[in-house]
């Protein structure tokens, strides 16, 4: 049982890494190259990816707490 939880936590962590890496990268340095301060809302795929990332982080925390409860 504990091995299944550890494998699930590793899988979720890999999915979190992937979802963070494929999000919009150019927003941090856009003001350096003349992009200015453009405030906009997330729409479409960008919003879905953001929500997926939040859900994965919540799932990662829940699996970590479950792992802690089982190991003690």
PDB file of N, CA and C in Angstrom:
ATOM      1  N   UNK A   1       0.825  -1.196   0.000  1.00  0.00           N
ATOM      2  CA  UNK A   1       0.000   0.000   0.000  1.00  0.00           C
ATOM      3  C   UNK A   1       0.874   1.266   0.000  1.00  0.00           C
ATOM      4  N   UNK A   2       1.914   1.247   0.830  1.00  0.00           N
ATOM      5  CA  UNK A   2       2.782   2.414   0.908  1.00  0.00           C
ATOM      6  C   UNK A   2       3.516   2.656  -0.410  1.00  0.00           C
ATOM      7  N   UNK A   3       3.897   1.579  -1.099  1.00  0.00           N
ATOM      8  CA  UNK A   3       4.594   1.738  -2.384  1.00  0.00           C
ATOM      9  C   UNK A   3       3.683   2.351  -3.436  1.00  0.00           C
ATOM     10  N   UNK A   4       2.408   2.003  -3.400  1.00  0.00           N
ATOM     11  CA  UNK A   4       1.449   2.570  -4.352  1.00  0.00           C
ATOM     12  C   UNK A   4       1.316   4.073  -4.122  1.00  0.00           C
ATOM     13  N   UNK A   5       1.281   4.486  -2.860  1.00  0.00           N
ATOM     14  CA  UNK A   5       1.162   5.909  -2.544  1.00  0.00           C
ATOM     15  C   UNK A   5       2.415   6.664  -2.975  1.00  0.00           C
ATOM     16  N   UNK A   6       3.573   6.077  -2.755  1.00  0.00           N
ATOM     17  CA  UNK A   6       4.825   6.729  -3.166  1.00  0.00           C
ATOM     18  C   UNK A   6       4.894   6.858  -4.685  1.00  0.00           C
ATOM     19  N   UNK A   7       4.492   5.825  -5.399  1.00  0.00           N
ATOM     20  CA  UNK A   7       4.493   5.882  -6.869  1.00  0.00           C
ATOM     21  C   UNK A   7       3.489   6.920  -7.366  1.00  0.00           C
ATOM     22  N   UNK A   8       2.323   6.997  -6.722  1.00  0.00           N
ATOM     23  CA  UNK A   8       1.323   8.000  -7.106  1.00  0.00           C
ATOM     24  C   UNK A   8       1.848   9.405  -6.859  1.00  0.00           C
ATOM     25  N   UNK A   9       2.553   9.600  -5.756  1.00  0.00           N
ATOM     26  CA  UNK A   9       3.104  10.916  -5.462  1.00  0.00           C
ATOM     27  C   UNK A   9       4.189  11.301  -6.468  1.00  0.00           C
ATOM     28  N   UNK A  10       4.994  10.357  -6.867  1.00  0.00           N
ATOM     29  CA  UNK A  10       6.020  10.634  -7.883  1.00  0.00           C
ATOM     30  C   UNK A  10       5.366  10.982  -9.220  1.00  0.00           C
ATOM     31  N   UNK A  11       4.321  10.245  -9.590  1.00  0.00           N
ATOM     32  CA  UNK A  11       3.631  10.509 -10.854  1.00  0.00           C
ATOM     33  C   UNK A  11       2.979  11.888 -10.850  1.00  0.00           C
ATOM     34  N   UNK A  12       2.347  12.247  -9.741  1.00  0.00           N
ATOM     35  CA  UNK A  12       1.712  13.563  -9.648  1.00  0.00           C
ATOM     36  C   UNK A  12       2.768  14.669  -9.680  1.00  0.00           C
ATOM     37  N   UNK A  13       3.900  14.445  -9.037  1.00  0.00           N
ATOM     38  CA  UNK A  13       4.953  15.469  -9.057  1.00  0.00           C
ATOM     39  C   UNK A  13       5.504  15.679 -10.467  1.00  0.00           C
ATOM     40  N   UNK A  14       5.633  14.614 -11.235  1.00  0.00           N
ATOM     41  CA  UNK A  14       6.093  14.745 -12.625  1.00  0.00           C
ATOM     42  C   UNK A  14       5.059  15.520 -13.446  1.00  0.00           C
ATOM     43  N   UNK A  15       3.773  15.241 -13.219  1.00  0.00           N
ATOM     44  CA  UNK A  15       2.725  15.978 -13.935  1.00  0.00           C
ATOM     45  C   UNK A  15       2.714  17.455 -13.554  1.00  0.00           C
ATOM     46  N   UNK A  16       2.993  17.760 -12.288  1.00  0.00           N
ATOM     47  CA  UNK A  16       3.074  19.163 -11.865  1.00  0.00           C
ATOM     48  C   UNK A  16       4.237  19.857 -12.578  1.00  0.00           C
ATOM     49  N   UNK A  17       5.362  19.201 -12.636  1.00  0.00           N
ATOM     50  CA  UNK A  17       6.531  19.787 -13.314  1.00  0.00           C
ATOM     51  C   UNK A  17       6.218  20.064 -14.776  1.00  0.00           C
ATOM     52  N   UNK A  18       5.592  19.112 -15.439  1.00  0.00           N
ATOM     53  CA  UNK A  18       5.253  19.284 -16.854  1.00  0.00           C
ATOM     54  C   UNK A  18       4.249  20.418 -17.043  1.00  0.00           C
ATOM     55  N   UNK A  19       3.227  20.472 -16.194  1.00  0.00           N
ATOM     56  CA  UNK A  19       2.204  21.510 -16.359  1.00  0.00           C
ATOM     57  C   UNK A  19       2.756  22.902 -16.081  1.00  0.00           C
ATOM     58  N   UNK A  20       3.710  23.021 -15.171  1.00  0.00           N
ATOM     59  CA  UNK A  20       4.322  24.326 -14.908  1.00  0.00           C
ATOM     60  C   UNK A  20       5.231  24.732 -16.064  1.00  0.00           C
ATOM     61  N   UNK A  21       5.969  23.777 -16.616  1.00  0.00           N
ATOM     62  CA  UNK A  21       6.902  24.110 -17.690  1.00  0.00           C
ATOM     63  C   UNK A  21       6.220  24.505 -18.993  1.00  0.00           C
ATOM     64  N   UNK A  22       5.021  23.989 -19.263  1.00  0.00           N
ATOM     65  CA  UNK A  22       4.375  24.332 -20.537  1.00  0.00           C
ATOM     66  C   UNK A  22       3.470  25.554 -20.434  1.00  0.00           C
ATOM     67  N   UNK A  23       3.422  26.180 -19.272  1.00  0.00           N
ATOM     68  CA  UNK A  23       2.644  27.410 -19.152  1.00  0.00           C
ATOM     69  C   UNK A  23       3.378  28.555 -19.820  1.00  0.00           C
ATOM     70  N   UNK A  24       2.731  29.683 -19.944  1.00  0.00           N
ATOM     71  CA  UNK A  24       3.266  30.846 -20.645  1.00  0.00           C
ATOM     72  C   UNK A  24       4.576  31.298 -20.015  1.00  0.00           C
ATOM     73  N   UNK A  25       5.655  31.282 -20.790  1.00  0.00           N
ATOM     74  CA  UNK A  25       6.977  31.596 -20.267  1.00  0.00           C
ATOM     75  C   UNK A  25       7.349  33.058 -20.442  1.00  0.00           C
ATOM     76  N   UNK A  26       6.836  33.737 -21.437  1.00  0.00           N
ATOM     77  CA  UNK A  26       7.299  35.072 -21.786  1.00  0.00           C
ATOM     78  C   UNK A  26       6.791  36.193 -20.919  1.00  0.00           C
ATOM     79  N   UNK A  27       5.961  35.937 -19.934  1.00  0.00           N
ATOM     80  CA  UNK A  27       5.368  37.027 -19.173  1.00  0.00           C
ATOM     81  C   UNK A  27       6.350  37.658 -18.193  1.00  0.00           C
ATOM     82  N   UNK A  28       7.374  36.948 -17.772  1.00  0.00           N
ATOM     83  CA  UNK A  28       8.295  37.487 -16.784  1.00  0.00           C
ATOM     84  C   UNK A  28       9.242  38.533 -17.341  1.00  0.00           C
ATOM     85  N   UNK A  29       9.748  38.334 -18.536  1.00  0.00           N
ATOM     86  CA  UNK A  29      10.715  39.254 -19.118  1.00  0.00           C
ATOM     87  C   UNK A  29      10.108  40.164 -20.179  1.00  0.00           C
ATOM     88  N   UNK A  30       8.797  40.186 -20.298  1.00  0.00           N
ATOM     89  CA  UNK A  30       8.194  40.980 -21.369  1.00  0.00           C
ATOM     90  C   UNK A  30       8.395  42.474 -21.157  1.00  0.00           C
ATOM     91  N   UNK A  31       8.429  42.922 -19.901  1.00  0.00           N
ATOM     92  CA  UNK A  31       8.604  44.350 -19.671  1.00  0.00           C
ATOM     93  C   UNK A  31      10.032  44.807 -19.984  1.00  0.00           C
ATOM     94  N   UNK A  32      11.006  43.915 -19.920  1.00  0.00           N
ATOM     95  CA  UNK A  32      12.394  44.265 -20.228  1.00  0.00           C
ATOM     96  C   UNK A  32      12.546  44.591 -21.709  1.00  0.00           C
ATOM     97  N   UNK A  33      11.836  43.871 -22.539  1.00  0.00           N
ATOM     98  CA  UNK A  33      11.953  44.043 -23.989  1.00  0.00           C
ATOM     99  C   UNK A  33      10.830  44.891 -24.579  1.00  0.00           C
ATOM    100  N   UNK A  34      10.195  45.710 -23.766  1.00  0.00           N
ATOM    101  CA  UNK A  34       9.200  46.638 -24.284  1.00  0.00           C
ATOM    102  C   UNK A  34       7.783  46.115 -24.252  1.00  0.00           C
ATOM    103  N   UNK A  35       7.524  45.061 -23.548  1.00  0.00           N
ATOM    104  CA  UNK A  35       6.171  44.522 -23.477  1.00  0.00           C
ATOM    105  C   UNK A  35       5.240  45.335 -22.609  1.00  0.00           C
ATOM    106  N   UNK A  36       5.786  46.033 -21.635  1.00  0.00           N
ATOM    107  CA  UNK A  36       4.969  46.864 -20.772  1.00  0.00           C
ATOM    108  C   UNK A  36       4.159  46.047 -19.783  1.00  0.00           C
ATOM    109  N   UNK A  37       3.319  46.754 -19.065  1.00  0.00           N
ATOM    110  CA  UNK A  37       2.453  46.093 -18.090  1.00  0.00           C
ATOM    111  C   UNK A  37       1.094  45.847 -18.717  1.00  0.00           C
ATOM    112  N   UNK A  38       0.896  44.667 -19.201  1.00  0.00           N
ATOM    113  CA  UNK A  38      -0.370  44.303 -19.815  1.00  0.00           C
ATOM    114  C   UNK A  38      -1.055  43.326 -18.882  1.00  0.00           C
ATOM    115  N   UNK A  39      -2.187  43.741 -18.344  1.00  0.00           N
ATOM    116  CA  UNK A  39      -2.945  42.878 -17.458  1.00  0.00           C
ATOM    117  C   UNK A  39      -4.086  42.259 -18.246  1.00  0.00           C
ATOM    118  N   UNK A  40      -4.167  40.952 -18.201  1.00  0.00           N
ATOM    119  CA  UNK A  40      -5.236  40.273 -18.926  1.00  0.00           C
ATOM    120  C   UNK A  40      -5.663  39.059 -18.141  1.00  0.00           C
ATOM    121  N   UNK A  41      -6.807  38.523 -18.501  1.00  0.00           N
ATOM    122  CA  UNK A  41      -7.315  37.336 -17.819  1.00  0.00           C
ATOM    123  C   UNK A  41      -6.905  36.088 -18.582  1.00  0.00           C
ATOM    124  N   UNK A  42      -6.859  34.993 -17.872  1.00  0.00           N
ATOM    125  CA  UNK A  42      -6.530  33.716 -18.505  1.00  0.00           C
ATOM    126  C   UNK A  42      -7.785  33.194 -19.220  1.00  0.00           C
ATOM    127  N   UNK A  43      -7.592  32.712 -20.441  1.00  0.00           N
ATOM    128  CA  UNK A  43      -8.719  32.186 -21.207  1.00  0.00           C
ATOM    129  C   UNK A  43      -8.321  30.908 -21.921  1.00  0.00           C
ATOM    130  N   UNK A  44      -9.297  30.078 -22.162  1.00  0.00           N
ATOM    131  CA  UNK A  44      -9.095  28.888 -22.970  1.00  0.00           C
ATOM    132  C   UNK A  44      -8.142  27.888 -22.364  1.00  0.00           C
ATOM    133  N   UNK A  45      -7.190  27.469 -23.178  1.00  0.00           N
ATOM    134  CA  UNK A  45      -6.221  26.447 -22.779  1.00  0.00           C
ATOM    135  C   UNK A  45      -5.353  26.915 -21.621  1.00  0.00           C
ATOM    136  N   UNK A  46      -4.998  28.188 -21.606  1.00  0.00           N
ATOM    137  CA  UNK A  46      -4.162  28.731 -20.531  1.00  0.00           C
ATOM    138  C   UNK A  46      -4.875  28.630 -19.184  1.00  0.00           C
ATOM    139  N   UNK A  47      -6.159  28.927 -19.157  1.00  0.00           N
ATOM    140  CA  UNK A  47      -6.940  28.832 -17.917  1.00  0.00           C
ATOM    141  C   UNK A  47      -7.093  27.381 -17.490  1.00  0.00           C
ATOM    142  N   UNK A  48      -7.364  26.502 -18.443  1.00  0.00           N
ATOM    143  CA  UNK A  48      -7.496  25.082 -18.124  1.00  0.00           C
ATOM    144  C   UNK A  48      -6.219  24.496 -17.569  1.00  0.00           C
ATOM    145  N   UNK A  49      -5.094  24.900 -18.134  1.00  0.00           N
ATOM    146  CA  UNK A  49      -3.803  24.426 -17.649  1.00  0.00           C
ATOM    147  C   UNK A  49      -3.519  24.951 -16.244  1.00  0.00           C
ATOM    148  N   UNK A  50      -3.905  26.188 -15.969  1.00  0.00           N
ATOM    149  CA  UNK A  50      -3.735  26.755 -14.639  1.00  0.00           C
ATOM    150  C   UNK A  50      -4.580  26.000 -13.609  1.00  0.00           C
ATOM    151  N   UNK A  51      -5.824  25.718 -13.949  1.00  0.00           N
ATOM    152  CA  UNK A  51      -6.709  24.979 -13.045  1.00  0.00           C
ATOM    153  C   UNK A  51      -6.190  23.561 -12.836  1.00  0.00           C
ATOM    154  N   UNK A  52      -5.706  22.923 -13.900  1.00  0.00           N
ATOM    155  CA  UNK A  52      -5.123  21.586 -13.776  1.00  0.00           C
ATOM    156  C   UNK A  52      -3.917  21.598 -12.841  1.00  0.00           C
ATOM    157  N   UNK A  53      -3.084  22.625 -12.932  1.00  0.00           N
ATOM    158  CA  UNK A  53      -1.917  22.732 -12.064  1.00  0.00           C
ATOM    159  C   UNK A  53      -2.339  22.870 -10.602  1.00  0.00           C
ATOM    160  N   UNK A  54      -3.348  23.683 -10.343  1.00  0.00           N
ATOM    161  CA  UNK A  54      -3.834  23.860  -8.974  1.00  0.00           C
ATOM    162  C   UNK A  54      -4.394  22.551  -8.430  1.00  0.00           C
ATOM    163  N   UNK A  55      -5.158  21.835  -9.244  1.00  0.00           N
ATOM    164  CA  UNK A  55      -5.725  20.559  -8.826  1.00  0.00           C
ATOM    165  C   UNK A  55      -4.616  19.547  -8.538  1.00  0.00           C
ATOM    166  N   UNK A  56      -3.601  19.511  -9.385  1.00  0.00           N
ATOM    167  CA  UNK A  56      -2.488  18.584  -9.170  1.00  0.00           C
ATOM    168  C   UNK A  56      -1.721  18.900  -7.888  1.00  0.00           C
ATOM    169  N   UNK A  57      -1.548  20.187  -7.584  1.00  0.00           N
ATOM    170  CA  UNK A  57      -0.855  20.561  -6.347  1.00  0.00           C
ATOM    171  C   UNK A  57      -1.681  20.148  -5.128  1.00  0.00           C
ATOM    172  N   UNK A  58      -2.995  20.348  -5.182  1.00  0.00           N
ATOM    173  CA  UNK A  58      -3.861  19.920  -4.077  1.00  0.00           C
ATOM    174  C   UNK A  58      -3.805  18.409  -3.918  1.00  0.00           C
ATOM    175  N   UNK A  59      -3.818  17.688  -5.022  1.00  0.00           N
ATOM    176  CA  UNK A  59      -3.712  16.230  -4.982  1.00  0.00           C
ATOM    177  C   UNK A  59      -2.366  15.790  -4.414  1.00  0.00           C
ATOM    178  N   UNK A  60      -1.299  16.485  -4.787  1.00  0.00           N
ATOM    179  CA  UNK A  60       0.032  16.173  -4.273  1.00  0.00           C
ATOM    180  C   UNK A  60       0.090  16.360  -2.755  1.00  0.00           C
ATOM    181  N   UNK A  61      -0.501  17.437  -2.250  1.00  0.00           N
ATOM    182  CA  UNK A  61      -0.526  17.683  -0.809  1.00  0.00           C
ATOM    183  C   UNK A  61      -1.357  16.623  -0.092  1.00  0.00           C
ATOM    184  N   UNK A  62      -2.487  16.242  -0.689  1.00  0.00           N
ATOM    185  CA  UNK A  62      -3.338  15.218  -0.075  1.00  0.00           C
ATOM    186  C   UNK A  62      -2.633  13.861  -0.025  1.00  0.00           C
ATOM    187  N   UNK A  63      -1.942  13.500  -1.084  1.00  0.00           N
ATOM    188  CA  UNK A  63      -1.206  12.230  -1.101  1.00  0.00           C
ATOM    189  C   UNK A  63      -0.063  12.278  -0.091  1.00  0.00           C
ATOM    190  N   UNK A  64       0.594  13.413   0.036  1.00  0.00           N
ATOM    191  CA  UNK A  64       1.659  13.563   1.024  1.00  0.00           C
ATOM    192  C   UNK A  64       1.131  13.427   2.444  1.00  0.00           C
ATOM    193  N   UNK A  65      -0.035  14.011   2.716  1.00  0.00           N
ATOM    194  CA  UNK A  65      -0.635  13.877   4.039  1.00  0.00           C
ATOM    195  C   UNK A  65      -1.048  12.422   4.304  1.00  0.00           C
ATOM    196  N   UNK A  66      -1.591  11.779   3.297  1.00  0.00           N
ATOM    197  CA  UNK A  66      -1.966  10.356   3.439  1.00  0.00           C
ATOM    198  C   UNK A  66      -0.731   9.501   3.689  1.00  0.00           C
ATOM    199  N   UNK A  67       0.343   9.781   3.019  1.00  0.00           N
ATOM    200  CA  UNK A  67       1.596   9.070   3.220  1.00  0.00           C
ATOM    201  C   UNK A  67       2.107   9.275   4.645  1.00  0.00           C
ATOM    202  N   UNK A  68       1.968  10.485   5.149  1.00  0.00           N
ATOM    203  CA  UNK A  68       2.392  10.777   6.513  1.00  0.00           C
ATOM    204  C   UNK A  68       1.551  10.026   7.550  1.00  0.00           C
ATOM    205  N   UNK A  69       0.245   9.953   7.300  1.00  0.00           N
ATOM    206  CA  UNK A  69      -0.650   9.259   8.225  1.00  0.00           C
ATOM    207  C   UNK A  69      -0.370   7.766   8.226  1.00  0.00           C
ATOM    208  N   UNK A  70      -0.136   7.209   7.047  1.00  0.00           N
ATOM    209  CA  UNK A  70       0.105   5.762   6.962  1.00  0.00           C
ATOM    210  C   UNK A  70       1.446   5.388   7.573  1.00  0.00           C
ATOM    211  N   UNK A  71       2.456   6.237   7.397  1.00  0.00           N
ATOM    212  CA  UNK A  71       3.785   5.896   7.895  1.00  0.00           C
ATOM    213  C   UNK A  71       3.919   6.033   9.405  1.00  0.00           C
ATOM    214  N   UNK A  72       3.004   6.764  10.030  1.00  0.00           N
ATOM    215  CA  UNK A  72       3.115   6.909  11.486  1.00  0.00           C
ATOM    216  C   UNK A  72       2.248   5.955  12.260  1.00  0.00           C
TER     217      UNK A  72
END
